[in-house]
């Protein structure tokens, strides 16, 4: 009987837990986590499930994170008000919008961005979810 565990399936572009761990370590206090989930469940019904696992950044909960919802209509988001070389992890529930946002940020000049998946990708979330 094998004792190996099967890794969780992830969406294309989601960084590995090891990549995220190294990124968070190197970023230190400069890290910015961008939560792309939408606060209106009528706009993004799938976000309800991931919000049960982890809520939106607020006060001291997830202090390195901001909520900048991804617009599927416009394929865009509000740009974070940080230096272009700021270490950024994007996430939604599981990584689809996280990848779109990573690509969007890169096209807008941000140079240090990873897609962290989201609360549904437990191994990845464990590396940065409390930030």
C-alpha atoms as a PDB file:
ATOM      1  CA  UNK A   1       0.000   0.000   0.000  1.00  0.00           C
ATOM      2  CA  UNK A   2       1.400   3.406  -1.017  1.00  0.00           C
ATOM      3  CA  UNK A   3       1.630   6.215   1.504  1.00  0.00           C
ATOM      4  CA  UNK A   4       1.973   8.905  -1.181  1.00  0.00           C
ATOM      5  CA  UNK A   5      -0.794  11.430  -1.435  1.00  0.00           C
ATOM      6  CA  UNK A   6      -2.201  12.615  -4.712  1.00  0.00           C
ATOM      7  CA  UNK A   7      -1.753  16.357  -5.134  1.00  0.00           C
ATOM      8  CA  UNK A   8      -4.882  18.456  -5.492  1.00  0.00           C
ATOM      9  CA  UNK A   9      -5.743  19.252  -9.100  1.00  0.00           C
ATOM     10  CA  UNK A  10      -5.152  22.918  -9.861  1.00  0.00           C
ATOM     11  CA  UNK A  11      -6.208  25.205 -12.670  1.00  0.00           C
ATOM     12  CA  UNK A  12      -3.711  26.231 -15.318  1.00  0.00           C
ATOM     13  CA  UNK A  13      -1.267  28.827 -14.091  1.00  0.00           C
ATOM     14  CA  UNK A  14      -1.708  28.231 -10.360  1.00  0.00           C
ATOM     15  CA  UNK A  15       1.684  28.251  -8.650  1.00  0.00           C
ATOM     16  CA  UNK A  16       2.785  25.245  -6.627  1.00  0.00           C
ATOM     17  CA  UNK A  17       2.800  25.339  -2.836  1.00  0.00           C
ATOM     18  CA  UNK A  18       6.626  25.315  -2.940  1.00  0.00           C
ATOM     19  CA  UNK A  19       6.725  28.311  -5.303  1.00  0.00           C
ATOM     20  CA  UNK A  20       4.275  30.184  -3.096  1.00  0.00           C
ATOM     21  CA  UNK A  21       6.210  29.382   0.095  1.00  0.00           C
ATOM     22  CA  UNK A  22       9.447  30.722  -1.424  1.00  0.00           C
ATOM     23  CA  UNK A  23       7.675  33.784  -2.846  1.00  0.00           C
ATOM     24  CA  UNK A  24       6.078  34.657   0.515  1.00  0.00           C
ATOM     25  CA  UNK A  25       9.378  34.173   2.323  1.00  0.00           C
ATOM     26  CA  UNK A  26      11.289  36.432  -0.079  1.00  0.00           C
ATOM     27  CA  UNK A  27       8.515  39.069  -0.178  1.00  0.00           C
ATOM     28  CA  UNK A  28       8.357  39.536   3.584  1.00  0.00           C
ATOM     29  CA  UNK A  29       6.393  42.610   4.575  1.00  0.00           C
ATOM     30  CA  UNK A  30       6.211  43.798   0.953  1.00  0.00           C
ATOM     31  CA  UNK A  31       3.781  41.006   0.017  1.00  0.00           C
ATOM     32  CA  UNK A  32       0.375  42.013  -1.317  1.00  0.00           C
ATOM     33  CA  UNK A  33      -2.376  39.405  -1.677  1.00  0.00           C
ATOM     34  CA  UNK A  34      -5.102  40.454  -4.121  1.00  0.00           C
ATOM     35  CA  UNK A  35      -8.466  38.780  -3.437  1.00  0.00           C
ATOM     36  CA  UNK A  36     -10.463  38.876  -6.670  1.00  0.00           C
ATOM     37  CA  UNK A  37     -13.686  37.417  -5.321  1.00  0.00           C
ATOM     38  CA  UNK A  38     -16.823  39.490  -5.637  1.00  0.00           C
ATOM     39  CA  UNK A  39     -18.799  40.538  -2.548  1.00  0.00           C
ATOM     40  CA  UNK A  40     -22.131  40.166  -4.390  1.00  0.00           C
ATOM     41  CA  UNK A  41     -23.099  36.471  -4.651  1.00  0.00           C
ATOM     42  CA  UNK A  42     -25.464  37.361  -7.510  1.00  0.00           C
ATOM     43  CA  UNK A  43     -22.451  38.427  -9.565  1.00  0.00           C
ATOM     44  CA  UNK A  44     -20.236  35.448  -8.627  1.00  0.00           C
ATOM     45  CA  UNK A  45     -22.326  32.620  -7.112  1.00  0.00           C
ATOM     46  CA  UNK A  46     -19.281  30.307  -7.015  1.00  0.00           C
ATOM     47  CA  UNK A  47     -17.563  32.641  -4.537  1.00  0.00           C
ATOM     48  CA  UNK A  48     -20.031  31.693  -1.804  1.00  0.00           C
ATOM     49  CA  UNK A  49     -18.320  28.312  -1.279  1.00  0.00           C
ATOM     50  CA  UNK A  50     -14.808  29.744  -1.000  1.00  0.00           C
ATOM     51  CA  UNK A  51     -16.028  32.530   1.298  1.00  0.00           C
ATOM     52  CA  UNK A  52     -17.167  29.844   3.723  1.00  0.00           C
ATOM     53  CA  UNK A  53     -13.524  28.736   3.922  1.00  0.00           C
ATOM     54  CA  UNK A  54     -11.972  32.217   4.078  1.00  0.00           C
ATOM     55  CA  UNK A  55     -13.616  35.617   4.263  1.00  0.00           C
ATOM     56  CA  UNK A  56     -12.617  38.874   2.678  1.00  0.00           C
ATOM     57  CA  UNK A  57      -9.684  40.837   4.088  1.00  0.00           C
ATOM     58  CA  UNK A  58     -10.802  43.079   6.937  1.00  0.00           C
ATOM     59  CA  UNK A  59      -9.044  44.971   9.711  1.00  0.00           C
ATOM     60  CA  UNK A  60      -6.496  42.521  11.191  1.00  0.00           C
ATOM     61  CA  UNK A  61      -7.852  39.486   9.310  1.00  0.00           C
ATOM     62  CA  UNK A  62      -5.572  38.878   6.323  1.00  0.00           C
ATOM     63  CA  UNK A  63      -3.578  42.112   6.865  1.00  0.00           C
ATOM     64  CA  UNK A  64      -1.482  41.826   3.659  1.00  0.00           C
ATOM     65  CA  UNK A  65      -4.587  41.368   1.480  1.00  0.00           C
ATOM     66  CA  UNK A  66      -6.954  43.670  -0.407  1.00  0.00           C
ATOM     67  CA  UNK A  67     -10.196  42.893  -2.205  1.00  0.00           C
ATOM     68  CA  UNK A  68     -10.138  44.064  -5.837  1.00  0.00           C
ATOM     69  CA  UNK A  69     -12.935  42.090  -7.557  1.00  0.00           C
ATOM     70  CA  UNK A  70     -12.283  40.772 -11.051  1.00  0.00           C
ATOM     71  CA  UNK A  71     -14.878  41.865 -13.619  1.00  0.00           C
ATOM     72  CA  UNK A  72     -15.726  39.078 -16.031  1.00  0.00           C
ATOM     73  CA  UNK A  73     -17.665  41.628 -18.112  1.00  0.00           C
ATOM     74  CA  UNK A  74     -14.717  43.966 -18.624  1.00  0.00           C
ATOM     75  CA  UNK A  75     -11.915  41.421 -18.150  1.00  0.00           C
ATOM     76  CA  UNK A  76     -10.303  43.847 -15.751  1.00  0.00           C
ATOM     77  CA  UNK A  77      -9.959  44.994 -12.164  1.00  0.00           C
ATOM     78  CA  UNK A  78      -8.900  48.048 -10.223  1.00  0.00           C
ATOM     79  CA  UNK A  79      -5.112  48.237 -10.202  1.00  0.00           C
ATOM     80  CA  UNK A  80      -3.511  48.076  -6.763  1.00  0.00           C
ATOM     81  CA  UNK A  81      -1.895  51.302  -5.611  1.00  0.00           C
ATOM     82  CA  UNK A  82       1.594  49.851  -5.113  1.00  0.00           C
ATOM     83  CA  UNK A  83       4.972  49.912  -6.861  1.00  0.00           C
ATOM     84  CA  UNK A  84       5.109  47.848 -10.046  1.00  0.00           C
ATOM     85  CA  UNK A  85       7.745  45.526  -8.537  1.00  0.00           C
ATOM     86  CA  UNK A  86       5.662  44.731  -5.419  1.00  0.00           C
ATOM     87  CA  UNK A  87       5.393  40.948  -4.839  1.00  0.00           C
ATOM     88  CA  UNK A  88       1.729  40.122  -5.527  1.00  0.00           C
ATOM     89  CA  UNK A  89      -0.254  36.903  -5.180  1.00  0.00           C
ATOM     90  CA  UNK A  90      -3.621  36.934  -6.942  1.00  0.00           C
ATOM     91  CA  UNK A  91      -6.424  34.591  -5.926  1.00  0.00           C
ATOM     92  CA  UNK A  92     -10.096  33.911  -6.382  1.00  0.00           C
ATOM     93  CA  UNK A  93     -11.779  30.687  -5.262  1.00  0.00           C
ATOM     94  CA  UNK A  94      -9.609  28.221  -7.162  1.00  0.00           C
ATOM     95  CA  UNK A  95      -7.448  30.108  -9.663  1.00  0.00           C
ATOM     96  CA  UNK A  96      -9.328  30.853 -12.885  1.00  0.00           C
ATOM     97  CA  UNK A  97      -9.780  34.572 -12.284  1.00  0.00           C
ATOM     98  CA  UNK A  98      -6.467  34.555 -10.427  1.00  0.00           C
ATOM     99  CA  UNK A  99      -4.730  33.721 -13.698  1.00  0.00           C
ATOM    100  CA  UNK A 100      -6.681  36.336 -15.645  1.00  0.00           C
ATOM    101  CA  UNK A 101      -5.746  38.936 -13.028  1.00  0.00           C
ATOM    102  CA  UNK A 102      -2.098  37.863 -13.045  1.00  0.00           C
ATOM    103  CA  UNK A 103      -2.020  38.318 -16.830  1.00  0.00           C
ATOM    104  CA  UNK A 104      -3.842  41.671 -16.543  1.00  0.00           C
ATOM    105  CA  UNK A 105      -1.430  42.969 -13.903  1.00  0.00           C
ATOM    106  CA  UNK A 106       1.567  41.849 -15.966  1.00  0.00           C
ATOM    107  CA  UNK A 107       0.175  43.636 -19.044  1.00  0.00           C
ATOM    108  CA  UNK A 108      -0.145  46.743 -16.884  1.00  0.00           C
ATOM    109  CA  UNK A 109       3.513  46.696 -15.889  1.00  0.00           C
ATOM    110  CA  UNK A 110       3.536  44.670 -12.664  1.00  0.00           C
ATOM    111  CA  UNK A 111       6.628  42.482 -12.688  1.00  0.00           C
ATOM    112  CA  UNK A 112       6.368  40.164  -9.673  1.00  0.00           C
ATOM    113  CA  UNK A 113       3.003  38.353  -9.720  1.00  0.00           C
ATOM    114  CA  UNK A 114       1.955  34.761  -8.961  1.00  0.00           C
ATOM    115  CA  UNK A 115      -1.459  33.103  -9.144  1.00  0.00           C
ATOM    116  CA  UNK A 116      -2.139  31.473  -5.772  1.00  0.00           C
ATOM    117  CA  UNK A 117      -5.361  29.675  -6.693  1.00  0.00           C
ATOM    118  CA  UNK A 118      -7.558  30.345  -3.669  1.00  0.00           C
ATOM    119  CA  UNK A 119      -9.134  28.798  -0.580  1.00  0.00           C
ATOM    120  CA  UNK A 120     -10.362  25.793  -2.580  1.00  0.00           C
ATOM    121  CA  UNK A 121      -6.723  24.855  -3.304  1.00  0.00           C
ATOM    122  CA  UNK A 122      -5.844  23.995   0.281  1.00  0.00           C
ATOM    123  CA  UNK A 123      -2.136  23.242  -0.136  1.00  0.00           C
ATOM    124  CA  UNK A 124      -1.560  26.581  -1.874  1.00  0.00           C
ATOM    125  CA  UNK A 125      -3.843  28.513   0.467  1.00  0.00           C
ATOM    126  CA  UNK A 126      -1.894  27.208   3.456  1.00  0.00           C
ATOM    127  CA  UNK A 127       1.169  29.120   2.188  1.00  0.00           C
ATOM    128  CA  UNK A 128      -0.375  32.590   2.023  1.00  0.00           C
ATOM    129  CA  UNK A 129      -4.021  32.532   3.149  1.00  0.00           C
ATOM    130  CA  UNK A 130      -3.349  34.080   6.538  1.00  0.00           C
ATOM    131  CA  UNK A 131      -1.387  36.975   5.038  1.00  0.00           C
END
